């Protein structure tokens, strides 16, 4: 868990999004979209990264720590967006005093062509 920063350092307006699925009359999934659940202010800090291969394509991953005001509704199945950037939520932790929520997130990029 990252060390809490002063509230004035929550400078990035982010969106917490949940995947929703559209279904046909027979129950078949026909569309999947992301819907905003909340829009908190956050502190975003890059904490590392790496490279690897997935399906024979080079991938770069950047890991981030994010701090926002306490929100018990955030779960790893959601994602965070900030501008055009999208982050997968990997971990969710809360401070004992219920003032803060800390997210461990990743952002992946294709490398090369």
Foldseek 3Di string as FASTA:
>chain_A
DDDDDPPVQLAFWKFKWAKDFDADPVGHTDDIDIDTPDTWRKHKDWDDWDWDDDPNFIKIKIKIKIKTFADPPDDQNIWMDTVPFIWRWDDWDADPVRGMIMTITMGMDTPDD
